[in-house]
Amino acid sequence: MGNNLYWTDDGPKKTISVARLEKASQTRKTLIEGKMTHPRAIVVDPLNGWMYWTDWEEDPKDSKRGKIERAWMDGSNRTIFVTSKAVLWPNGLSIDIPNQILYWVDAFYDRIEMVHLNGTGRKAVYEGPELNHAFGLCHYGTYLFWTEYRSGSIYRLDQVSKTVTLLRNERPPIFEIRMYDAQQQQVGSNACRVNNGGCSSLCLATPGSRQCACAEDQILDEDGVTCKANPSYIPPPQCQPGEFACKNSRCIQERWKCDGDNDCLDNSDEAPDLC
């Protein structure tokens, strides 16, 4: 509806970001940063202005638990939506907007679960021998599809008959799976659907409204819809501590500099003035 792309990043900063589908590199904005261990899948409900994502813990012996969080699609009003002792490695997510259901798969407890978007009716949908470190999850009608990370298998579950079908085997590891349904993409409308909500750059849906936003190097003007350059913006370093910044924007280990090998692929790490 808003022509935006949302994604999670399990890098050092643990972030959730958004960008316009057109000119994505020029409109990228970090919405949420930190207080996550391993952010994984993300789904959005643009009709109601919410986004949901999974975050899993590594150590099952620790007192920490995995969780599913949600926030408005502008990154505000962040809350924990689902967490319990039976949630540790929640991976794939799938949202059924017409029926107001959220599905997820837990790769530690090997089960698929569901909950209504109002927080009620949580229950296990399937637990069976086919589940063994499931990763991706999607749905179509009464069918659920998931991928097996280790085996490379793709399965289909009929929720009515509880029949599981092996659709195919791929070379592992296999990660996410998505299903495109044109009708699901066209359900309803929100404040960003027409004329980008009047925003000059990012239009981010919120429940019953919208929030205009700008890329990292811009700020929102006083009119609340126009973006302008941020004079105090400092670009983040491209390379991490202990890395060498090549002239072609690649990053290599600092210890590889001046070792006689063209690690940068443009010889900037072996330049005479450097070595």
C-alpha atoms as a PDB file:
ATOM      1  CA  MET A   1       0.000   0.000   0.000  1.00  0.00           C
ATOM      2  CA  GLY A   2       2.794   2.416   0.850  1.00  0.00           C
ATOM      3  CA  ASN A   3       5.407   0.974  -1.577  1.00  0.00           C
ATOM      4  CA  ASN A   4       7.859   0.470   1.274  1.00  0.00           C
ATOM      5  CA  LEU A   5      10.231  -2.387   2.082  1.00  0.00           C
ATOM      6  CA  TYR A   6      10.840  -3.434   5.707  1.00  0.00           C
ATOM      7  CA  TRP A   7      13.676  -5.701   6.876  1.00  0.00           C
ATOM      8  CA  THR A   8      15.568  -6.884   9.962  1.00  0.00           C
ATOM      9  CA  ASP A   9      19.353  -6.872  10.346  1.00  0.00           C
ATOM     10  CA  ASP A  10      21.015  -9.315  12.757  1.00  0.00           C
ATOM     11  CA  GLY A  11      24.288  -7.376  12.545  1.00  0.00           C
ATOM     12  CA  PRO A  12      26.110  -5.691  15.441  1.00  0.00           C
ATOM     13  CA  LYS A  13      23.408  -3.029  15.925  1.00  0.00           C
ATOM     14  CA  LYS A  14      20.328  -5.321  15.638  1.00  0.00           C
ATOM     15  CA  THR A  15      18.027  -3.076  13.612  1.00  0.00           C
ATOM     16  CA  ILE A  16      14.740  -2.850  11.775  1.00  0.00           C
ATOM     17  CA  SER A  17      14.781  -0.550   8.766  1.00  0.00           C
ATOM     18  CA  VAL A  18      12.542   0.711   5.991  1.00  0.00           C
ATOM     19  CA  ALA A  19      13.057   2.201   2.529  1.00  0.00           C
ATOM     20  CA  ARG A  20      10.955   3.199  -0.448  1.00  0.00           C
ATOM     21  CA  LEU A  21      10.847   0.588  -3.196  1.00  0.00           C
ATOM     22  CA  GLU A  22      11.869   3.339  -5.599  1.00  0.00           C
ATOM     23  CA  LYS A  23      15.282   4.836  -4.818  1.00  0.00           C
ATOM     24  CA  ALA A  24      15.723   2.533  -1.832  1.00  0.00           C
ATOM     25  CA  SER A  25      19.361   3.516  -1.261  1.00  0.00           C
ATOM     26  CA  GLN A  26      18.357   7.176  -0.944  1.00  0.00           C
ATOM     27  CA  THR A  27      15.410   6.682   1.433  1.00  0.00           C
ATOM     28  CA  ARG A  28      16.708   4.101   3.922  1.00  0.00           C
ATOM     29  CA  LYS A  29      15.787   4.783   7.545  1.00  0.00           C
ATOM     30  CA  THR A  30      16.447   2.807  10.735  1.00  0.00           C
ATOM     31  CA  LEU A  31      13.243   2.568  12.751  1.00  0.00           C
ATOM     32  CA  ILE A  32      14.339   0.406  15.695  1.00  0.00           C
ATOM     33  CA  GLU A  33      17.810  -0.321  17.041  1.00  0.00           C
ATOM     34  CA  GLY A  34      18.949  -2.588  19.868  1.00  0.00           C
ATOM     35  CA  LYS A  35      17.255  -4.592  22.621  1.00  0.00           C
ATOM     36  CA  MET A  36      17.138  -7.611  20.307  1.00  0.00           C
ATOM     37  CA  THR A  37      19.274 -10.770  20.325  1.00  0.00           C
ATOM     38  CA  HIS A  38      18.676 -12.263  16.884  1.00  0.00           C
ATOM     39  CA  PRO A  39      15.952 -10.486  14.885  1.00  0.00           C
ATOM     40  CA  ARG A  40      14.660 -12.803  12.189  1.00  0.00           C
ATOM     41  CA  ALA A  41      11.422 -12.614  10.193  1.00  0.00           C
ATOM     42  CA  ILE A  42       9.261  -9.520   9.808  1.00  0.00           C
ATOM     43  CA  VAL A  43       5.721  -9.075   8.494  1.00  0.00           C
ATOM     44  CA  VAL A  44       3.593  -5.963   8.196  1.00  0.00           C
ATOM     45  CA  ASP A  45      -0.099  -5.185   8.497  1.00  0.00           C
ATOM     46  CA  PRO A  46      -0.354  -1.949   6.487  1.00  0.00           C
ATOM     47  CA  LEU A  47      -4.129  -1.861   6.755  1.00  0.00           C
ATOM     48  CA  ASN A  48      -3.890  -1.423  10.524  1.00  0.00           C
ATOM     49  CA  GLY A  49      -0.420   0.153  10.730  1.00  0.00           C
ATOM     50  CA  TRP A  50       1.425  -2.581  12.641  1.00  0.00           C
ATOM     51  CA  MET A  51       4.603  -4.587  12.026  1.00  0.00           C
ATOM     52  CA  TYR A  52       5.605  -7.832  13.773  1.00  0.00           C
ATOM     53  CA  TRP A  53       9.020  -9.504  14.016  1.00  0.00           C
ATOM     54  CA  THR A  54      10.649 -12.528  15.662  1.00  0.00           C
ATOM     55  CA  ASP A  55      13.663 -12.389  17.965  1.00  0.00           C
ATOM     56  CA  TRP A  56      15.260 -15.578  19.221  1.00  0.00           C
ATOM     57  CA  GLU A  57      17.678 -16.489  21.998  1.00  0.00           C
ATOM     58  CA  GLU A  58      20.614 -18.825  21.513  1.00  0.00           C
ATOM     59  CA  ASP A  59      20.972 -20.656  24.835  1.00  0.00           C
ATOM     60  CA  PRO A  60      18.008 -22.791  25.957  1.00  0.00           C
ATOM     61  CA  LYS A  61      19.579 -23.048  29.431  1.00  0.00           C
ATOM     62  CA  ASP A  62      19.426 -19.309  29.945  1.00  0.00           C
ATOM     63  CA  SER A  63      16.474 -17.671  31.661  1.00  0.00           C
ATOM     64  CA  LYS A  64      15.960 -15.434  28.634  1.00  0.00           C
ATOM     65  CA  ARG A  65      13.187 -16.254  26.207  1.00  0.00           C
ATOM     66  CA  GLY A  66      12.556 -15.730  22.535  1.00  0.00           C
ATOM     67  CA  LYS A  67       9.760 -13.380  21.613  1.00  0.00           C
ATOM     68  CA  ILE A  68       7.605 -11.832  18.955  1.00  0.00           C
ATOM     69  CA  GLU A  69       7.468  -8.056  19.134  1.00  0.00           C
ATOM     70  CA  ARG A  70       5.306  -5.528  17.382  1.00  0.00           C
ATOM     71  CA  ALA A  71       5.309  -1.781  16.787  1.00  0.00           C
ATOM     72  CA  TRP A  72       3.589   0.796  14.672  1.00  0.00           C
ATOM     73  CA  MET A  73       5.060   0.868  11.183  1.00  0.00           C
ATOM     74  CA  ASP A  74       6.917   4.096  11.987  1.00  0.00           C
ATOM     75  CA  GLY A  75       8.825   2.268  14.761  1.00  0.00           C
ATOM     76  CA  SER A  76       6.931   3.816  17.670  1.00  0.00           C
ATOM     77  CA  ASN A  77       4.814   2.061  20.316  1.00  0.00           C
ATOM     78  CA  ARG A  78       7.103  -0.995  20.458  1.00  0.00           C
ATOM     79  CA  THR A  79       5.800  -3.815  22.664  1.00  0.00           C
ATOM     80  CA  ILE A  80       6.362  -7.537  23.259  1.00  0.00           C
ATOM     81  CA  PHE A  81       3.453  -9.374  21.633  1.00  0.00           C
ATOM     82  CA  VAL A  82       4.230 -13.032  22.446  1.00  0.00           C
ATOM     83  CA  THR A  83       6.763 -14.563  24.829  1.00  0.00           C
ATOM     84  CA  SER A  84       6.775 -17.612  27.105  1.00  0.00           C
ATOM     85  CA  LYS A  85       8.894 -20.571  28.170  1.00  0.00           C
ATOM     86  CA  ALA A  86       7.702 -22.317  24.997  1.00  0.00           C
ATOM     87  CA  VAL A  87       9.207 -19.656  22.708  1.00  0.00           C
ATOM     88  CA  LEU A  88      12.963 -19.777  22.127  1.00  0.00           C
ATOM     89  CA  TRP A  89      13.888 -19.818  18.432  1.00  0.00           C
ATOM     90  CA  PRO A  90      10.913 -18.209  16.648  1.00  0.00           C
ATOM     91  CA  ASN A  91      11.934 -18.012  13.002  1.00  0.00           C
ATOM     92  CA  GLY A  92       9.410 -17.646  10.188  1.00  0.00           C
ATOM     93  CA  LEU A  93       6.323 -15.441  10.434  1.00  0.00           C
ATOM     94  CA  SER A  94       3.204 -15.278   8.295  1.00  0.00           C
ATOM     95  CA  ILE A  95       0.277 -12.904   8.752  1.00  0.00           C
ATOM     96  CA  ASP A  96      -3.263 -13.627   7.603  1.00  0.00           C
ATOM     97  CA  ILE A  97      -4.737 -10.123   7.494  1.00  0.00           C
ATOM     98  CA  PRO A  98      -8.346 -11.014   6.473  1.00  0.00           C
ATOM     99  CA  ASN A  99      -8.623 -13.516   9.329  1.00  0.00           C
ATOM    100  CA  GLN A 100      -6.444 -11.483  11.729  1.00  0.00           C
ATOM    101  CA  ILE A 101      -4.084 -14.377  12.516  1.00  0.00           C
ATOM    102  CA  LEU A 102      -0.317 -14.453  13.035  1.00  0.00           C
ATOM    103  CA  TYR A 103       1.541 -17.741  12.464  1.00  0.00           C
ATOM    104  CA  TRP A 104       5.109 -18.530  13.514  1.00  0.00           C
ATOM    105  CA  VAL A 105       7.428 -21.519  13.636  1.00  0.00           C
ATOM    106  CA  ASP A 106       9.844 -22.258  16.492  1.00  0.00           C
ATOM    107  CA  ALA A 107      13.009 -24.071  15.403  1.00  0.00           C
ATOM    108  CA  PHE A 108      13.936 -25.199  18.931  1.00  0.00           C
ATOM    109  CA  TYR A 109      10.590 -26.631  20.008  1.00  0.00           C
ATOM    110  CA  ASP A 110       9.754 -27.806  16.466  1.00  0.00           C
ATOM    111  CA  ARG A 111       6.192 -26.520  16.316  1.00  0.00           C
ATOM    112  CA  ILE A 112       4.036 -24.125  14.337  1.00  0.00           C
ATOM    113  CA  GLU A 113       1.815 -21.850  16.409  1.00  0.00           C
ATOM    114  CA  MET A 114      -0.797 -19.170  15.823  1.00  0.00           C
ATOM    115  CA  VAL A 115      -2.369 -16.286  17.702  1.00  0.00           C
ATOM    116  CA  HIS A 116      -5.056 -13.775  16.790  1.00  0.00           C
ATOM    117  CA  LEU A 117      -3.840 -10.222  16.244  1.00  0.00           C
ATOM    118  CA  ASN A 118      -5.817  -9.104  19.287  1.00  0.00           C
ATOM    119  CA  GLY A 119      -3.555 -11.360  21.387  1.00  0.00           C
ATOM    120  CA  THR A 120      -6.104 -14.128  22.045  1.00  0.00           C
ATOM    121  CA  GLY A 121      -6.476 -17.725  20.918  1.00  0.00           C
ATOM    122  CA  ARG A 122      -2.822 -18.760  20.919  1.00  0.00           C
ATOM    123  CA  LYS A 123      -2.443 -22.450  20.131  1.00  0.00           C
ATOM    124  CA  ALA A 124      -0.175 -24.999  18.480  1.00  0.00           C
ATOM    125  CA  VAL A 125      -1.126 -25.647  14.857  1.00  0.00           C
ATOM    126  CA  TYR A 126       1.221 -28.551  14.170  1.00  0.00           C
ATOM    127  CA  GLU A 127       3.902 -30.604  15.898  1.00  0.00           C
ATOM    128  CA  GLY A 128       5.231 -33.519  13.913  1.00  0.00           C
ATOM    129  CA  PRO A 129       8.344 -35.441  12.842  1.00  0.00           C
ATOM    130  CA  GLU A 130       8.724 -33.323   9.687  1.00  0.00           C
ATOM    131  CA  LEU A 131       9.596 -30.290  11.823  1.00  0.00           C
ATOM    132  CA  ASN A 132      13.325 -30.279  12.502  1.00  0.00           C
ATOM    133  CA  HIS A 133      14.797 -26.755  12.639  1.00  0.00           C
ATOM    134  CA  ALA A 134      12.212 -25.052  10.450  1.00  0.00           C
ATOM    135  CA  PHE A 135      13.185 -21.615   9.155  1.00  0.00           C
ATOM    136  CA  GLY A 136      10.775 -19.931   6.709  1.00  0.00           C
ATOM    137  CA  LEU A 137       6.986 -19.923   6.921  1.00  0.00           C
ATOM    138  CA  CYS A 138       4.134 -18.633   4.736  1.00  0.00           C
ATOM    139  CA  HIS A 139       0.487 -19.418   4.115  1.00  0.00           C
ATOM    140  CA  TYR A 140      -2.130 -19.503   1.373  1.00  0.00           C
ATOM    141  CA  GLY A 141      -5.752 -20.076   2.325  1.00  0.00           C
ATOM    142  CA  THR A 142      -5.832 -23.003   4.752  1.00  0.00           C
ATOM    143  CA  TYR A 143      -2.352 -24.178   3.729  1.00  0.00           C
ATOM    144  CA  LEU A 144       0.883 -23.474   5.589  1.00  0.00           C
ATOM    145  CA  PHE A 145       4.273 -23.878   3.887  1.00  0.00           C
ATOM    146  CA  TRP A 146       7.615 -24.077   5.663  1.00  0.00           C
ATOM    147  CA  THR A 147      11.274 -24.702   4.905  1.00  0.00           C
ATOM    148  CA  GLU A 148      13.671 -26.963   6.770  1.00  0.00           C
ATOM    149  CA  TYR A 149      17.042 -25.268   7.246  1.00  0.00           C
ATOM    150  CA  ARG A 150      19.157 -28.396   7.653  1.00  0.00           C
ATOM    151  CA  SER A 151      17.538 -30.830   5.247  1.00  0.00           C
ATOM    152  CA  GLY A 152      16.543 -28.344   2.521  1.00  0.00           C
ATOM    153  CA  SER A 153      12.976 -29.690   2.472  1.00  0.00           C
ATOM    154  CA  ILE A 154       9.840 -27.670   1.698  1.00  0.00           C
ATOM    155  CA  TYR A 155       6.610 -28.900   3.274  1.00  0.00           C
ATOM    156  CA  ARG A 156       2.915 -28.046   3.005  1.00  0.00           C
ATOM    157  CA  LEU A 157       0.424 -28.452   5.842  1.00  0.00           C
ATOM    158  CA  ASP A 158      -3.310 -28.672   5.196  1.00  0.00           C
ATOM    159  CA  GLN A 159      -4.780 -27.169   8.365  1.00  0.00           C
ATOM    160  CA  VAL A 160      -8.164 -28.794   7.734  1.00  0.00           C
ATOM    161  CA  SER A 161      -7.047 -32.399   7.275  1.00  0.00           C
ATOM    162  CA  LYS A 162      -3.715 -31.992   9.131  1.00  0.00           C
ATOM    163  CA  THR A 163      -2.043 -33.673   6.157  1.00  0.00           C
ATOM    164  CA  VAL A 164       1.631 -32.848   5.594  1.00  0.00           C
ATOM    165  CA  THR A 165       3.071 -33.107   2.088  1.00  0.00           C
ATOM    166  CA  LEU A 166       6.741 -32.946   1.094  1.00  0.00           C
ATOM    167  CA  LEU A 167       6.780 -30.654  -1.929  1.00  0.00           C
ATOM    168  CA  ARG A 168      10.462 -30.803  -2.825  1.00  0.00           C
ATOM    169  CA  ASN A 169      14.032 -31.072  -1.562  1.00  0.00           C
ATOM    170  CA  GLU A 170      16.614 -28.387  -2.222  1.00  0.00           C
ATOM    171  CA  ARG A 171      20.293 -28.210  -1.401  1.00  0.00           C
ATOM    172  CA  PRO A 172      20.582 -27.118   2.253  1.00  0.00           C
ATOM    173  CA  PRO A 173      20.725 -24.797   3.977  1.00  0.00           C
ATOM    174  CA  ILE A 174      17.430 -23.292   2.890  1.00  0.00           C
ATOM    175  CA  PHE A 175      16.119 -20.104   4.429  1.00  0.00           C
ATOM    176  CA  GLU A 176      12.974 -18.058   3.804  1.00  0.00           C
ATOM    177  CA  ILE A 177       9.912 -18.894   1.746  1.00  0.00           C
ATOM    178  CA  ARG A 178       7.350 -16.370   0.508  1.00  0.00           C
ATOM    179  CA  MET A 179       4.029 -16.696  -1.268  1.00  0.00           C
ATOM    180  CA  TYR A 180       2.597 -13.898  -3.397  1.00  0.00           C
ATOM    181  CA  ASP A 181      -1.170 -13.452  -3.384  1.00  0.00           C
ATOM    182  CA  ALA A 182      -2.416 -10.495  -5.429  1.00  0.00           C
ATOM    183  CA  GLN A 183      -5.691 -10.397  -3.515  1.00  0.00           C
ATOM    184  CA  GLN A 184      -3.928 -10.216  -0.171  1.00  0.00           C
ATOM    185  CA  GLN A 185      -1.903  -7.289  -1.475  1.00  0.00           C
ATOM    186  CA  GLN A 186      -5.034  -5.333  -2.377  1.00  0.00           C
ATOM    187  CA  VAL A 187      -7.096  -5.719   0.798  1.00  0.00           C
ATOM    188  CA  GLY A 188      -8.380  -2.355   2.050  1.00  0.00           C
ATOM    189  CA  SER A 189      -6.505   0.940   2.147  1.00  0.00           C
ATOM    190  CA  ASN A 190      -4.578   3.196   4.507  1.00  0.00           C
ATOM    191  CA  ALA A 191      -3.468   6.813   4.771  1.00  0.00           C
ATOM    192  CA  CYS A 192      -0.379   6.196   2.597  1.00  0.00           C
ATOM    193  CA  ARG A 193      -2.068   4.565  -0.371  1.00  0.00           C
ATOM    194  CA  VAL A 194      -3.145   7.734  -2.194  1.00  0.00           C
ATOM    195  CA  ASN A 195      -0.461  10.234  -3.235  1.00  0.00           C
ATOM    196  CA  ASN A 196       2.006   8.715  -0.721  1.00  0.00           C
ATOM    197  CA  GLY A 197      -0.041  10.293   2.077  1.00  0.00           C
ATOM    198  CA  GLY A 198       1.242  13.712   1.003  1.00  0.00           C
ATOM    199  CA  CYS A 199       4.763  12.816   2.183  1.00  0.00           C
ATOM    200  CA  SER A 200       7.736  13.810   0.049  1.00  0.00           C
ATOM    201  CA  SER A 201       9.704  10.665   0.968  1.00  0.00           C
ATOM    202  CA  LEU A 202       8.613   7.931   3.385  1.00  0.00           C
ATOM    203  CA  CYS A 203       4.979   7.508   4.357  1.00  0.00           C
ATOM    204  CA  LEU A 204       4.747   5.125   7.308  1.00  0.00           C
ATOM    205  CA  ALA A 205       1.343   3.773   8.274  1.00  0.00           C
ATOM    206  CA  THR A 206       0.128   3.961  11.868  1.00  0.00           C
ATOM    207  CA  PRO A 207      -3.221   2.787  13.260  1.00  0.00           C
ATOM    208  CA  GLY A 208      -5.786   5.043  11.599  1.00  0.00           C
ATOM    209  CA  SER A 209      -3.211   7.546  10.347  1.00  0.00           C
ATOM    210  CA  ARG A 210       0.315   7.951   8.939  1.00  0.00           C
ATOM    211  CA  GLN A 211       3.671   9.500   9.781  1.00  0.00           C
ATOM    212  CA  CYS A 212       5.954  11.137   7.202  1.00  0.00           C
ATOM    213  CA  ALA A 213       9.622  10.287   7.636  1.00  0.00           C
ATOM    214  CA  CYS A 214      12.975  10.893   5.970  1.00  0.00           C
ATOM    215  CA  ALA A 215      16.191   9.056   5.172  1.00  0.00           C
ATOM    216  CA  GLU A 216      19.049   8.952   7.679  1.00  0.00           C
ATOM    217  CA  ASP A 217      20.766  12.015   6.196  1.00  0.00           C
ATOM    218  CA  GLN A 218      17.590  14.135   6.138  1.00  0.00           C
ATOM    219  CA  ILE A 219      15.207  15.721   8.621  1.00  0.00           C
ATOM    220  CA  LEU A 220      11.510  16.470   8.422  1.00  0.00           C
ATOM    221  CA  ASP A 221      10.671  20.107   7.718  1.00  0.00           C
ATOM    222  CA  GLU A 222       8.281  22.106   9.868  1.00  0.00           C
ATOM    223  CA  ASP A 223       5.403  21.306   7.511  1.00  0.00           C
ATOM    224  CA  GLY A 224       5.609  17.664   8.638  1.00  0.00           C
ATOM    225  CA  VAL A 225       5.657  16.266   5.102  1.00  0.00           C
ATOM    226  CA  THR A 226       8.796  17.573   3.347  1.00  0.00           C
ATOM    227  CA  CYS A 227      12.320  16.246   3.811  1.00  0.00           C
ATOM    228  CA  LYS A 228      15.401  18.455   3.758  1.00  0.00           C
ATOM    229  CA  ALA A 229      19.124  17.887   4.228  1.00  0.00           C
ATOM    230  CA  ASN A 230      20.326  17.403   7.784  1.00  0.00           C
ATOM    231  CA  PRO A 231      23.353  19.694   8.217  1.00  0.00           C
ATOM    232  CA  SER A 232      24.531  17.843  11.342  1.00  0.00           C
ATOM    233  CA  TYR A 233      24.423  14.378   9.768  1.00  0.00           C
ATOM    234  CA  ILE A 234      27.673  12.398  10.032  1.00  0.00           C
ATOM    235  CA  PRO A 235      27.848   9.324   7.758  1.00  0.00           C
ATOM    236  CA  PRO A 236      28.544   6.117   9.710  1.00  0.00           C
ATOM    237  CA  PRO A 237      31.903   4.426   9.127  1.00  0.00           C
ATOM    238  CA  GLN A 238      31.693   1.846   6.373  1.00  0.00           C
ATOM    239  CA  CYS A 239      34.104  -0.555   8.033  1.00  0.00           C
ATOM    240  CA  GLN A 240      34.200  -1.975  11.548  1.00  0.00           C
ATOM    241  CA  PRO A 241      37.105  -1.547  14.013  1.00  0.00           C
ATOM    242  CA  GLY A 242      39.927  -3.836  12.970  1.00  0.00           C
ATOM    243  CA  GLU A 243      39.042  -3.541   9.283  1.00  0.00           C
ATOM    244  CA  PHE A 244      40.704  -1.646   6.444  1.00  0.00           C
ATOM    245  CA  ALA A 245      38.587   0.510   4.123  1.00  0.00           C
ATOM    246  CA  CYS A 246      39.434  -0.199   0.483  1.00  0.00           C
ATOM    247  CA  LYS A 247      39.044   2.545  -2.111  1.00  0.00           C
ATOM    248  CA  ASN A 248      36.322   0.498  -3.820  1.00  0.00           C
ATOM    249  CA  SER A 249      34.272   0.536  -0.563  1.00  0.00           C
ATOM    250  CA  ARG A 250      35.097  -3.057   0.361  1.00  0.00           C
ATOM    251  CA  CYS A 251      36.193  -3.844   3.916  1.00  0.00           C
ATOM    252  CA  ILE A 252      38.975  -6.330   4.668  1.00  0.00           C
ATOM    253  CA  GLN A 253      40.809  -7.419   7.803  1.00  0.00           C
ATOM    254  CA  GLU A 254      43.365  -4.824   8.917  1.00  0.00           C
ATOM    255  CA  ARG A 255      46.023  -7.562   9.143  1.00  0.00           C
ATOM    256  CA  TRP A 256      45.603  -8.279   5.418  1.00  0.00           C
ATOM    257  CA  LYS A 257      46.961  -4.840   4.547  1.00  0.00           C
ATOM    258  CA  CYS A 258      50.381  -4.864   2.903  1.00  0.00           C
ATOM    259  CA  ASP A 259      50.623  -8.654   2.969  1.00  0.00           C
ATOM    260  CA  GLY A 260      51.386  -8.947  -0.732  1.00  0.00           C
ATOM    261  CA  ASP A 261      47.884 -10.120  -1.692  1.00  0.00           C
ATOM    262  CA  ASN A 262      45.289  -8.086  -3.566  1.00  0.00           C
ATOM    263  CA  ASP A 263      42.575  -8.602  -0.943  1.00  0.00           C
ATOM    264  CA  CYS A 264      40.690  -5.403  -1.858  1.00  0.00           C
ATOM    265  CA  LEU A 265      40.550  -6.497  -5.513  1.00  0.00           C
ATOM    266  CA  ASP A 266      41.653  -2.985  -6.536  1.00  0.00           C
ATOM    267  CA  ASN A 267      45.170  -3.194  -4.989  1.00  0.00           C
ATOM    268  CA  SER A 268      44.401  -0.294  -2.628  1.00  0.00           C
ATOM    269  CA  ASP A 269      45.543  -2.467   0.301  1.00  0.00           C
ATOM    270  CA  GLU A 270      48.938  -2.889  -1.404  1.00  0.00           C
ATOM    271  CA  ALA A 271      49.450   0.693  -2.611  1.00  0.00           C
ATOM    272  CA  PRO A 272      53.119   1.838  -2.488  1.00  0.00           C
ATOM    273  CA  ASP A 273      52.273   4.958  -0.487  1.00  0.00           C
ATOM    274  CA  LEU A 274      50.598   2.734   2.112  1.00  0.00           C
ATOM    275  CA  CYS A 275      53.103  -0.063   2.313  1.00  0.00           C
END
